[in-house]
Amino acid sequence: MKRACDIKPAGAWNETSAVDCIALDAHERHRRRIVLTTERGTRILLDLPQAIALRDGDGLLLDDGAIVRVAGRPESLVEIAAANPVELARLAWHIGNRHIDVQIADDRLRIRRDHVIEDMLRGLGARLTPIEAPFEPEGGAYAHHELGDDHF
């Protein structure tokens, strides 16, 4: 079984050089160690020193030097728009108050479909559009994205 012990961040490698691809939803992309099966049926062991949130376009660097592209699998989401930035910030506060994963997409927010939350947002004046798309939720205030430890 091939082993992936390093990640090439999206945009930092040539995606045309990928030997294979693996499509994962947002939950599946937050991993440290797991056996994965690529689109071509190759089994690989993801074996990282710590859990990381893989992003659409990242590359899994295999022990033989080959790279497998990570693709975000489309999920059932709702896109949230508001009349103005202040209203969007208010909607974001209500979403955050319920500890729901959220993606910031330009002047809109995205969350997983949830009829209770959608009803709440409509009641607050949000314009909602159901979509199918890869979900890239925010990592949270304590995630160590690209910032060094000196920022915390």
N, C-alpha and C. Protein backbone atom coordinates (compact mmCIF):
# COMPACT_ATOMS: atom_id res chain seq x y z
N MET A 1 0.86 -1.18 0.00
CA MET A 1 0.00 0.00 0.00
C MET A 1 0.90 1.23 0.00
N LYS A 2 0.55 2.19 -0.85
CA LYS A 2 1.30 3.44 -0.90
C LYS A 2 0.96 4.28 0.33
N ARG A 3 1.87 5.15 0.69
CA ARG A 3 1.72 5.97 1.88
C ARG A 3 1.88 7.45 1.53
N ALA A 4 1.01 8.30 2.10
CA ALA A 4 1.10 9.75 1.93
C ALA A 4 1.43 10.35 3.29
N CYS A 5 2.60 10.99 3.39
CA CYS A 5 3.05 11.55 4.66
C CYS A 5 3.21 13.06 4.61
N ASP A 6 2.88 13.67 3.47
CA ASP A 6 3.04 15.12 3.33
C ASP A 6 1.95 15.65 2.41
N ILE A 7 1.66 16.93 2.55
CA ILE A 7 0.62 17.61 1.76
C ILE A 7 1.26 18.73 0.97
N LYS A 8 0.90 18.82 -0.30
CA LYS A 8 1.26 19.96 -1.14
C LYS A 8 0.03 20.86 -1.18
N PRO A 9 0.12 22.08 -0.63
CA PRO A 9 -1.06 22.96 -0.59
C PRO A 9 -1.55 23.33 -2.00
N ALA A 10 -2.86 23.50 -2.12
CA ALA A 10 -3.45 23.94 -3.39
C ALA A 10 -2.73 25.19 -3.88
N GLY A 11 -2.41 25.22 -5.16
CA GLY A 11 -1.73 26.35 -5.76
C GLY A 11 -0.22 26.28 -5.66
N ALA A 12 0.32 25.34 -4.86
CA ALA A 12 1.77 25.24 -4.67
C ALA A 12 2.37 24.07 -5.46
N TRP A 13 1.55 23.44 -6.30
CA TRP A 13 2.03 22.32 -7.12
C TRP A 13 1.24 22.31 -8.41
N ASN A 14 1.78 21.63 -9.41
CA ASN A 14 1.16 21.57 -10.73
C ASN A 14 0.12 20.45 -10.74
N GLU A 15 -1.16 20.80 -10.71
CA GLU A 15 -2.23 19.80 -10.64
C GLU A 15 -2.27 18.87 -11.84
N THR A 16 -1.71 19.28 -12.97
CA THR A 16 -1.71 18.40 -14.14
C THR A 16 -0.77 17.21 -13.94
N SER A 17 0.10 17.28 -12.93
CA SER A 17 1.02 16.17 -12.67
C SER A 17 0.42 15.12 -11.75
N ALA A 18 -0.81 15.32 -11.29
CA ALA A 18 -1.44 14.35 -10.39
C ALA A 18 -1.61 13.01 -11.08
N VAL A 19 -1.31 11.94 -10.36
CA VAL A 19 -1.46 10.59 -10.92
C VAL A 19 -2.85 10.03 -10.68
N ASP A 20 -3.60 10.66 -9.78
CA ASP A 20 -4.93 10.17 -9.42
C ASP A 20 -5.64 11.26 -8.63
N CYS A 21 -6.86 10.97 -8.23
CA CYS A 21 -7.67 11.95 -7.49
C CYS A 21 -8.49 11.21 -6.44
N ILE A 22 -8.79 11.91 -5.38
CA ILE A 22 -9.68 11.36 -4.36
C ILE A 22 -10.66 12.45 -3.96
N ALA A 23 -11.96 12.17 -4.05
CA ALA A 23 -13.01 13.14 -3.72
C ALA A 23 -13.52 12.85 -2.30
N LEU A 24 -13.47 13.86 -1.45
CA LEU A 24 -13.88 13.73 -0.06
C LEU A 24 -14.74 14.92 0.35
N ASP A 25 -15.74 14.67 1.21
CA ASP A 25 -16.52 15.81 1.72
C ASP A 25 -15.73 16.49 2.83
N ALA A 26 -16.26 17.57 3.39
CA ALA A 26 -15.53 18.36 4.37
C ALA A 26 -15.15 17.55 5.60
N HIS A 27 -16.05 16.70 6.09
CA HIS A 27 -15.73 15.87 7.25
C HIS A 27 -14.61 14.88 6.92
N GLU A 28 -14.69 14.26 5.76
CA GLU A 28 -13.70 13.28 5.36
C GLU A 28 -12.32 13.90 5.12
N ARG A 29 -12.29 15.20 4.81
CA ARG A 29 -11.02 15.87 4.53
C ARG A 29 -10.27 16.30 5.80
N HIS A 30 -10.85 16.15 6.97
CA HIS A 30 -10.17 16.50 8.21
C HIS A 30 -9.64 15.21 8.84
N ARG A 31 -8.40 14.89 8.54
CA ARG A 31 -7.83 13.59 8.90
C ARG A 31 -6.37 13.69 9.34
N ARG A 32 -5.93 12.64 10.02
CA ARG A 32 -4.53 12.45 10.33
C ARG A 32 -4.05 11.12 9.74
N ARG A 33 -4.80 10.07 10.03
CA ARG A 33 -4.39 8.73 9.58
C ARG A 33 -5.62 7.94 9.17
N ILE A 34 -5.64 7.49 7.91
CA ILE A 34 -6.77 6.72 7.40
C ILE A 34 -6.36 6.07 6.08
N VAL A 35 -6.96 4.94 5.76
CA VAL A 35 -6.77 4.31 4.46
C VAL A 35 -7.83 4.89 3.52
N LEU A 36 -7.39 5.38 2.38
CA LEU A 36 -8.27 6.00 1.39
C LEU A 36 -8.16 5.22 0.08
N THR A 37 -9.22 5.24 -0.71
CA THR A 37 -9.21 4.62 -2.03
C THR A 37 -9.43 5.71 -3.07
N THR A 38 -8.52 5.80 -4.01
CA THR A 38 -8.58 6.84 -5.03
C THR A 38 -9.63 6.49 -6.09
N GLU A 39 -9.88 7.43 -7.00
CA GLU A 39 -10.84 7.20 -8.07
C GLU A 39 -10.45 6.02 -8.96
N ARG A 40 -9.17 5.75 -9.09
CA ARG A 40 -8.70 4.63 -9.92
C ARG A 40 -8.58 3.34 -9.13
N GLY A 41 -8.97 3.36 -7.85
CA GLY A 41 -8.97 2.15 -7.05
C GLY A 41 -7.71 1.87 -6.26
N THR A 42 -6.76 2.77 -6.27
CA THR A 42 -5.53 2.59 -5.50
C THR A 42 -5.78 2.90 -4.03
N ARG A 43 -5.34 2.00 -3.17
CA ARG A 43 -5.48 2.24 -1.72
C ARG A 43 -4.20 2.90 -1.23
N ILE A 44 -4.38 3.99 -0.48
CA ILE A 44 -3.22 4.69 0.09
C ILE A 44 -3.48 4.93 1.57
N LEU A 45 -2.40 4.94 2.33
CA LEU A 45 -2.47 5.25 3.75
C LEU A 45 -2.09 6.70 3.94
N LEU A 46 -3.03 7.51 4.39
CA LEU A 46 -2.72 8.89 4.78
C LEU A 46 -2.16 8.80 6.19
N ASP A 47 -0.93 9.25 6.37
CA ASP A 47 -0.23 9.09 7.65
C ASP A 47 0.50 10.38 7.98
N LEU A 48 -0.25 11.33 8.56
CA LEU A 48 0.29 12.65 8.88
C LEU A 48 0.64 12.75 10.36
N PRO A 49 1.56 13.64 10.72
CA PRO A 49 1.93 13.79 12.13
C PRO A 49 0.79 14.34 13.00
N GLN A 50 -0.12 15.10 12.39
CA GLN A 50 -1.27 15.63 13.11
C GLN A 50 -2.43 15.80 12.15
N ALA A 51 -3.64 15.86 12.70
CA ALA A 51 -4.83 16.03 11.86
C ALA A 51 -4.76 17.38 11.15
N ILE A 52 -5.21 17.38 9.92
CA ILE A 52 -5.21 18.61 9.12
C ILE A 52 -6.49 18.64 8.29
N ALA A 53 -6.99 19.83 8.02
CA ALA A 53 -8.14 19.99 7.14
C ALA A 53 -7.62 20.12 5.72
N LEU A 54 -7.76 19.06 4.94
CA LEU A 54 -7.35 19.10 3.54
C LEU A 54 -8.31 19.99 2.77
N ARG A 55 -7.80 20.69 1.78
CA ARG A 55 -8.60 21.59 0.96
C ARG A 55 -8.69 21.07 -0.46
N ASP A 56 -9.75 21.47 -1.15
CA ASP A 56 -9.89 21.15 -2.56
C ASP A 56 -8.65 21.67 -3.29
N GLY A 57 -7.98 20.80 -4.04
CA GLY A 57 -6.79 21.19 -4.78
C GLY A 57 -5.48 20.86 -4.08
N ASP A 58 -5.53 20.46 -2.82
CA ASP A 58 -4.31 20.00 -2.15
C ASP A 58 -3.84 18.72 -2.82
N GLY A 59 -2.57 18.40 -2.65
CA GLY A 59 -2.01 17.18 -3.17
C GLY A 59 -1.45 16.31 -2.06
N LEU A 60 -1.76 15.02 -2.11
CA LEU A 60 -1.18 14.07 -1.17
C LEU A 60 0.11 13.56 -1.78
N LEU A 61 1.24 13.86 -1.14
CA LEU A 61 2.55 13.43 -1.65
C LEU A 61 2.81 12.00 -1.19
N LEU A 62 2.88 11.09 -2.16
CA LEU A 62 3.09 9.68 -1.86
C LEU A 62 4.57 9.39 -1.65
N ASP A 63 4.86 8.27 -0.99
CA ASP A 63 6.25 7.91 -0.68
C ASP A 63 7.10 7.68 -1.93
N ASP A 64 6.47 7.45 -3.09
CA ASP A 64 7.25 7.28 -4.33
C ASP A 64 7.40 8.59 -5.10
N GLY A 65 6.92 9.71 -4.51
CA GLY A 65 7.05 11.03 -5.15
C GLY A 65 5.85 11.45 -5.97
N ALA A 66 4.93 10.52 -6.24
CA ALA A 66 3.73 10.86 -7.00
C ALA A 66 2.78 11.67 -6.12
N ILE A 67 1.87 12.39 -6.77
CA ILE A 67 0.91 13.23 -6.04
C ILE A 67 -0.52 12.86 -6.46
N VAL A 68 -1.39 12.69 -5.45
CA VAL A 68 -2.81 12.42 -5.65
C VAL A 68 -3.56 13.70 -5.28
N ARG A 69 -4.38 14.20 -6.20
CA ARG A 69 -5.13 15.43 -5.98
C ARG A 69 -6.32 15.17 -5.06
N VAL A 70 -6.53 16.08 -4.11
CA VAL A 70 -7.71 16.04 -3.24
C VAL A 70 -8.78 16.93 -3.87
N ALA A 71 -9.97 16.38 -4.05
CA ALA A 71 -11.10 17.15 -4.59
C ALA A 71 -12.18 17.21 -3.52
N GLY A 72 -12.77 18.38 -3.37
CA GLY A 72 -13.90 18.52 -2.46
C GLY A 72 -15.14 17.92 -3.10
N ARG A 73 -15.73 16.92 -2.45
CA ARG A 73 -16.95 16.30 -2.98
C ARG A 73 -18.11 17.26 -2.74
N PRO A 74 -18.94 17.50 -3.76
CA PRO A 74 -20.09 18.39 -3.58
C PRO A 74 -21.02 17.89 -2.47
N GLU A 75 -21.53 18.85 -1.69
CA GLU A 75 -22.45 18.56 -0.60
C GLU A 75 -23.70 19.42 -0.76
N SER A 76 -24.76 19.03 -0.09
CA SER A 76 -26.00 19.81 -0.09
C SER A 76 -25.82 20.99 0.86
N LEU A 77 -25.75 22.17 0.28
CA LEU A 77 -25.51 23.40 1.05
C LEU A 77 -26.63 24.39 0.78
N VAL A 78 -26.66 25.42 1.60
CA VAL A 78 -27.52 26.56 1.32
C VAL A 78 -26.62 27.79 1.34
N GLU A 79 -26.78 28.60 0.31
CA GLU A 79 -26.03 29.85 0.21
C GLU A 79 -26.89 30.96 0.79
N ILE A 80 -26.29 31.79 1.64
CA ILE A 80 -27.01 32.80 2.40
C ILE A 80 -26.57 34.18 1.95
N ALA A 81 -27.52 35.00 1.53
CA ALA A 81 -27.24 36.38 1.13
C ALA A 81 -28.09 37.31 1.99
N ALA A 82 -27.65 38.55 2.06
CA ALA A 82 -28.38 39.55 2.85
C ALA A 82 -28.43 40.86 2.07
N ALA A 83 -29.25 41.76 2.55
CA ALA A 83 -29.45 43.05 1.87
C ALA A 83 -28.19 43.91 1.87
N ASN A 84 -27.35 43.76 2.90
CA ASN A 84 -26.14 44.59 3.00
C ASN A 84 -25.14 43.90 3.93
N PRO A 85 -23.90 44.40 3.99
CA PRO A 85 -22.88 43.76 4.82
C PRO A 85 -23.22 43.70 6.31
N VAL A 86 -23.90 44.70 6.82
CA VAL A 86 -24.28 44.68 8.24
C VAL A 86 -25.25 43.54 8.51
N GLU A 87 -26.24 43.37 7.64
CA GLU A 87 -27.20 42.27 7.80
C GLU A 87 -26.51 40.91 7.66
N LEU A 88 -25.55 40.81 6.75
CA LEU A 88 -24.82 39.55 6.60
C LEU A 88 -24.01 39.24 7.86
N ALA A 89 -23.40 40.26 8.45
CA ALA A 89 -22.67 40.07 9.71
C ALA A 89 -23.62 39.61 10.82
N ARG A 90 -24.81 40.15 10.86
CA ARG A 90 -25.79 39.74 11.86
C ARG A 90 -26.17 38.27 11.66
N LEU A 91 -26.39 37.88 10.41
CA LEU A 91 -26.70 36.48 10.11
C LEU A 91 -25.54 35.57 10.51
N ALA A 92 -24.32 36.02 10.22
CA ALA A 92 -23.13 35.23 10.59
C ALA A 92 -23.06 35.06 12.11
N TRP A 93 -23.41 36.09 12.85
CA TRP A 93 -23.40 35.99 14.32
C TRP A 93 -24.39 34.92 14.77
N HIS A 94 -25.59 34.93 14.22
CA HIS A 94 -26.60 33.93 14.61
C HIS A 94 -26.15 32.51 14.26
N ILE A 95 -25.51 32.34 13.10
CA ILE A 95 -24.99 31.03 12.71
C ILE A 95 -23.90 30.60 13.69
N GLY A 96 -22.97 31.50 13.98
CA GLY A 96 -21.89 31.20 14.92
C GLY A 96 -22.40 30.89 16.31
N ASN A 97 -23.46 31.56 16.71
CA ASN A 97 -24.04 31.34 18.03
C ASN A 97 -24.58 29.92 18.17
N ARG A 98 -24.83 29.26 17.03
CA ARG A 98 -25.33 27.88 17.05
C ARG A 98 -24.23 26.87 16.73
N HIS A 99 -22.99 27.37 16.66
CA HIS A 99 -21.81 26.51 16.45
C HIS A 99 -21.93 25.64 15.21
N ILE A 100 -22.38 26.26 14.13
CA ILE A 100 -22.55 25.56 12.85
C ILE A 100 -21.34 25.87 11.97
N ASP A 101 -20.82 24.86 11.29
CA ASP A 101 -19.75 25.10 10.32
C ASP A 101 -20.25 26.06 9.26
N VAL A 102 -19.42 27.03 8.89
CA VAL A 102 -19.80 28.02 7.89
C VAL A 102 -18.63 28.31 6.97
N GLN A 103 -18.94 28.54 5.71
CA GLN A 103 -17.96 28.94 4.71
C GLN A 103 -18.29 30.37 4.30
N ILE A 104 -17.27 31.21 4.24
CA ILE A 104 -17.45 32.59 3.76
C ILE A 104 -17.08 32.58 2.28
N ALA A 105 -18.05 32.94 1.44
CA ALA A 105 -17.86 32.91 -0.02
C ALA A 105 -18.19 34.30 -0.57
N ASP A 106 -17.17 35.14 -0.64
CA ASP A 106 -17.34 36.53 -1.10
C ASP A 106 -18.37 37.24 -0.23
N ASP A 107 -19.49 37.64 -0.81
CA ASP A 107 -20.50 38.39 -0.05
C ASP A 107 -21.66 37.49 0.38
N ARG A 108 -21.37 36.19 0.51
CA ARG A 108 -22.38 35.22 0.94
C ARG A 108 -21.77 34.26 1.95
N LEU A 109 -22.62 33.55 2.64
CA LEU A 109 -22.20 32.50 3.56
C LEU A 109 -22.76 31.18 3.03
N ARG A 110 -22.13 30.08 3.41
CA ARG A 110 -22.63 28.75 3.05
C ARG A 110 -22.63 27.87 4.29
N ILE A 111 -23.71 27.11 4.45
CA ILE A 111 -23.80 26.12 5.51
C ILE A 111 -24.40 24.84 4.92
N ARG A 112 -24.26 23.75 5.66
CA ARG A 112 -24.95 22.51 5.25
C ARG A 112 -26.44 22.71 5.42
N ARG A 113 -27.23 22.03 4.58
CA ARG A 113 -28.69 22.14 4.64
C ARG A 113 -29.20 21.71 6.02
N ASP A 114 -30.06 22.53 6.60
CA ASP A 114 -30.68 22.25 7.90
C ASP A 114 -31.96 23.07 7.94
N HIS A 115 -33.11 22.40 7.82
CA HIS A 115 -34.37 23.14 7.67
C HIS A 115 -34.67 24.04 8.87
N VAL A 116 -34.25 23.65 10.07
CA VAL A 116 -34.50 24.49 11.26
C VAL A 116 -33.70 25.78 11.17
N ILE A 117 -32.42 25.67 10.83
CA ILE A 117 -31.57 26.85 10.70
C ILE A 117 -32.02 27.70 9.51
N GLU A 118 -32.41 27.06 8.42
CA GLU A 118 -32.89 27.80 7.26
C GLU A 118 -34.14 28.60 7.61
N ASP A 119 -35.07 28.02 8.36
CA ASP A 119 -36.27 28.76 8.79
C ASP A 119 -35.88 29.96 9.65
N MET A 120 -34.93 29.76 10.57
CA MET A 120 -34.46 30.86 11.42
C MET A 120 -33.89 31.99 10.56
N LEU A 121 -33.03 31.62 9.58
CA LEU A 121 -32.40 32.63 8.74
C LEU A 121 -33.41 33.38 7.89
N ARG A 122 -34.39 32.67 7.34
CA ARG A 122 -35.45 33.34 6.57
C ARG A 122 -36.18 34.36 7.46
N GLY A 123 -36.47 33.95 8.70
CA GLY A 123 -37.14 34.85 9.65
C GLY A 123 -36.31 36.08 9.96
N LEU A 124 -34.99 35.98 9.79
CA LEU A 124 -34.10 37.13 10.02
C LEU A 124 -33.87 37.93 8.74
N GLY A 125 -34.55 37.57 7.65
CA GLY A 125 -34.45 38.33 6.41
C GLY A 125 -33.44 37.83 5.40
N ALA A 126 -32.86 36.66 5.62
CA ALA A 126 -31.86 36.13 4.69
C ALA A 126 -32.52 35.66 3.40
N ARG A 127 -31.76 35.75 2.31
CA ARG A 127 -32.15 35.17 1.03
C ARG A 127 -31.35 33.87 0.90
N LEU A 128 -32.05 32.74 0.75
CA LEU A 128 -31.40 31.43 0.74
C LEU A 128 -31.51 30.78 -0.63
N THR A 129 -30.40 30.16 -1.05
CA THR A 129 -30.36 29.45 -2.32
C THR A 129 -29.73 28.08 -2.09
N PRO A 130 -30.50 27.00 -2.29
CA PRO A 130 -29.91 25.66 -2.16
C PRO A 130 -28.91 25.42 -3.30
N ILE A 131 -27.75 24.86 -2.97
CA ILE A 131 -26.72 24.56 -3.98
C ILE A 131 -26.07 23.22 -3.64
N GLU A 132 -25.39 22.65 -4.61
CA GLU A 132 -24.52 21.49 -4.44
C GLU A 132 -23.12 21.99 -4.79
N ALA A 133 -22.20 21.94 -3.83
CA ALA A 133 -20.85 22.43 -4.06
C ALA A 133 -19.92 21.84 -3.00
N PRO A 134 -18.61 21.82 -3.29
CA PRO A 134 -17.67 21.44 -2.24
C PRO A 134 -17.78 22.43 -1.07
N PHE A 135 -17.68 21.94 0.14
CA PHE A 135 -17.81 22.77 1.34
C PHE A 135 -16.44 22.99 1.94
N GLU A 136 -16.07 24.25 2.14
CA GLU A 136 -14.78 24.62 2.72
C GLU A 136 -15.03 25.48 3.95
N PRO A 137 -15.49 24.88 5.06
CA PRO A 137 -15.82 25.67 6.24
C PRO A 137 -14.59 26.33 6.87
N GLU A 138 -14.82 27.41 7.57
CA GLU A 138 -13.76 28.09 8.31
C GLU A 138 -13.17 27.15 9.34
N GLY A 139 -11.90 27.30 9.62
CA GLY A 139 -11.23 26.40 10.54
C GLY A 139 -11.45 26.71 12.00
N GLY A 140 -11.92 27.87 12.33
CA GLY A 140 -12.13 28.21 13.73
C GLY A 140 -10.99 29.07 14.27
N ALA A 141 -11.27 29.75 15.34
CA ALA A 141 -10.32 30.71 15.91
C ALA A 141 -9.04 30.07 16.40
N TYR A 142 -9.07 28.80 16.78
CA TYR A 142 -7.89 28.18 17.35
C TYR A 142 -7.17 27.25 16.39
N ALA A 143 -7.62 27.19 15.14
CA ALA A 143 -6.92 26.38 14.14
C ALA A 143 -5.65 27.10 13.73
N HIS A 144 -4.61 26.35 13.46
CA HIS A 144 -3.31 26.94 13.13
C HIS A 144 -3.07 26.94 11.63
N HIS A 145 -3.98 27.42 10.86
CA HIS A 145 -3.88 27.47 9.39
C HIS A 145 -2.44 27.74 8.94
N GLU A 146 -2.22 28.79 8.19
CA GLU A 146 -0.88 29.13 7.73
C GLU A 146 -0.13 30.01 8.70
N LEU A 147 -0.78 30.43 9.79
CA LEU A 147 -0.13 31.30 10.76
C LEU A 147 0.85 30.49 11.60
N GLY A 148 1.94 31.09 11.93
CA GLY A 148 2.89 30.43 12.82
C GLY A 148 2.40 30.48 14.25
N ASP A 149 3.06 29.71 15.12
CA ASP A 149 2.68 29.66 16.52
C ASP A 149 2.83 31.01 17.21
N ASP A 150 3.66 31.91 16.64
CA ASP A 150 3.85 33.21 17.29
C ASP A 150 2.62 34.10 17.20
N HIS A 151 1.59 33.69 16.44
CA HIS A 151 0.37 34.47 16.34
C HIS A 151 -0.64 34.09 17.43
N PHE A 152 -0.32 33.11 18.25
CA PHE A 152 -1.28 32.65 19.26
C PHE A 152 -0.68 32.74 20.64
